[in-house]
Amino acid sequence: MAELSDGRVHVSELARRLGISRPLLYMHLDRLEKAGLVTGHLELSTDGKAMKYFELAPFELNLTAATITEAVRASMEGMPAVPTPPRRRQQARGRKPGRPAAAVPDLPGPARRSADGRG
């Protein structure tokens, strides 16, 4: 949308500026147009070719937590559930599978040291 802030831009030029393919750009522009944020216009060039230009449409955006939640839910409709990968058991080196790890003994802390500082 920032690329359209200075006025209308031809689709091929916009794709070059953004570094994406025209089909991918058309997909995004179609969604923006359906949302009323941009408008597209076909024009004939001097040599008779159809040229599609897009520009920003005047709009006001009121963003709230409810608006974001509604948009996320709408975008998730019809999407397949993402499968959770199976959890893999981590195995410590040198241990046989299924054996619990040995308990780590308590080490003396600063409060347990003797007066001479040797533990």
Protein backbone atom coordinates (compact mmCIF):
# COMPACT_ATOMS: atom_id res chain seq x y z
CA MET A 1 0.00 0.00 0.00
CA ALA A 2 2.95 2.31 0.66
CA GLU A 3 3.99 1.96 -2.98
CA LEU A 4 0.59 3.31 -4.01
CA SER A 5 0.71 6.33 -1.70
CA ASP A 6 2.11 8.62 -4.43
CA GLY A 7 -0.61 7.76 -6.95
CA ARG A 8 -1.63 5.05 -9.39
CA VAL A 9 0.91 2.46 -10.48
CA HIS A 10 0.85 -0.08 -13.31
CA VAL A 11 0.81 -3.70 -12.09
CA SER A 12 4.09 -4.65 -13.81
CA GLU A 13 5.86 -1.63 -12.29
CA LEU A 14 4.43 -2.40 -8.86
CA ALA A 15 5.58 -6.04 -9.11
CA ARG A 16 9.11 -4.87 -10.02
CA ARG A 17 9.20 -2.44 -7.10
CA LEU A 18 8.06 -5.10 -4.65
CA GLY A 19 10.16 -7.91 -6.14
CA ILE A 20 7.25 -10.35 -6.47
CA SER A 21 5.51 -12.03 -9.40
CA ARG A 22 2.49 -10.44 -11.05
CA PRO A 23 0.20 -13.41 -10.21
CA LEU A 24 1.11 -13.13 -6.53
CA LEU A 25 0.66 -9.36 -6.65
CA TYR A 26 -2.76 -9.76 -8.33
CA MET A 27 -3.81 -12.12 -5.51
CA HIS A 28 -2.92 -9.50 -2.89
CA LEU A 29 -4.40 -6.61 -4.87
CA ASP A 30 -7.63 -8.55 -5.36
CA ARG A 31 -7.98 -8.95 -1.60
CA LEU A 32 -7.17 -5.29 -0.99
CA GLU A 33 -9.69 -4.28 -3.65
CA LYS A 34 -12.41 -6.47 -2.12
CA ALA A 35 -11.66 -4.86 1.24
CA GLY A 36 -12.14 -1.41 -0.34
CA LEU A 37 -8.54 -0.30 0.27
CA VAL A 38 -7.40 -0.04 -3.37
CA THR A 39 -9.11 0.36 -6.73
CA GLY A 40 -8.03 -1.07 -10.06
CA HIS A 41 -8.66 0.48 -13.48
CA LEU A 42 -8.06 -0.90 -16.98
CA GLU A 43 -6.73 1.58 -19.51
CA LEU A 44 -5.70 1.18 -23.13
CA SER A 45 -2.14 2.10 -24.03
CA THR A 46 -1.34 3.98 -27.26
CA ASP A 47 -0.57 0.65 -28.96
CA GLY A 48 -3.91 -0.86 -27.87
CA LYS A 49 -2.72 -3.00 -24.94
CA ALA A 50 -4.87 -3.26 -21.84
CA MET A 51 -2.97 -1.83 -18.86
CA LYS A 52 -4.15 -2.37 -15.28
CA TYR A 53 -3.41 0.42 -12.81
CA PHE A 54 -4.07 0.42 -9.08
CA GLU A 55 -4.37 3.28 -6.63
CA LEU A 56 -5.30 3.73 -3.01
CA ALA A 57 -8.98 4.22 -2.24
CA PRO A 58 -9.94 6.72 0.44
CA PHE A 59 -10.56 4.78 3.64
CA GLU A 60 -10.53 5.09 7.39
CA LEU A 61 -9.23 2.29 9.57
CA ASN A 62 -10.54 1.73 13.09
CA LEU A 63 -8.42 -1.05 14.58
CA THR A 64 -9.52 -2.69 17.82
CA ALA A 65 -8.83 -6.02 19.48
CA ALA A 66 -12.29 -7.18 18.38
CA THR A 67 -11.55 -6.20 14.77
CA ILE A 68 -8.28 -8.16 14.80
CA THR A 69 -9.94 -11.20 16.38
CA GLU A 70 -12.72 -11.13 13.79
CA ALA A 71 -10.21 -10.84 10.93
CA VAL A 72 -8.12 -13.73 12.23
CA ARG A 73 -11.17 -15.96 12.67
CA ALA A 74 -12.40 -15.08 9.17
CA SER A 75 -9.00 -15.84 7.67
CA MET A 76 -8.89 -19.22 9.42
CA GLU A 77 -12.28 -20.40 8.10
CA GLY A 78 -11.90 -23.28 5.71
CA MET A 79 -8.22 -23.75 6.51
CA PRO A 80 -7.18 -27.28 7.41
CA ALA A 81 -6.07 -27.85 10.96
CA VAL A 82 -2.33 -27.85 11.39
CA PRO A 83 -1.31 -31.31 12.58
CA THR A 84 0.76 -31.43 15.72
CA PRO A 85 3.98 -33.34 15.12
CA PRO A 86 4.42 -36.38 17.35
CA ARG A 87 6.60 -35.74 20.38
CA ARG A 88 9.95 -37.42 20.18
CA ARG A 89 11.49 -38.89 23.27
CA GLN A 90 14.81 -37.33 23.98
CA GLN A 91 17.45 -39.84 24.78
CA ALA A 92 20.54 -38.98 26.78
CA ARG A 93 23.85 -40.30 25.52
CA GLY A 94 24.93 -43.60 26.97
CA ARG A 95 21.51 -44.48 28.37
CA LYS A 96 19.29 -47.28 27.25
CA PRO A 97 15.81 -46.23 26.10
CA GLY A 98 13.22 -46.33 28.86
CA ARG A 99 15.66 -46.00 31.77
CA PRO A 100 15.26 -42.89 33.92
CA ALA A 101 18.12 -40.45 34.24
CA ALA A 102 20.14 -40.61 37.46
CA ALA A 103 19.28 -38.00 40.05
CA VAL A 104 21.74 -35.14 40.37
CA PRO A 105 23.04 -34.94 43.96
CA ASP A 106 22.66 -31.69 45.91
CA LEU A 107 25.84 -29.68 45.77
CA PRO A 108 26.89 -27.63 48.77
CA GLY A 109 25.79 -24.03 48.44
CA PRO A 110 27.37 -20.92 49.96
CA ALA A 111 25.35 -21.29 53.18
CA ARG A 112 26.75 -24.84 53.76
CA ARG A 113 30.43 -23.96 53.44
CA SER A 114 32.65 -24.17 56.42
CA ALA A 115 34.33 -21.15 57.92
CA ASP A 116 37.55 -21.81 55.99
CA GLY A 117 35.62 -21.76 52.64
CA ARG A 118 36.49 -25.33 51.55
CA GLY A 119 33.02 -26.76 51.78
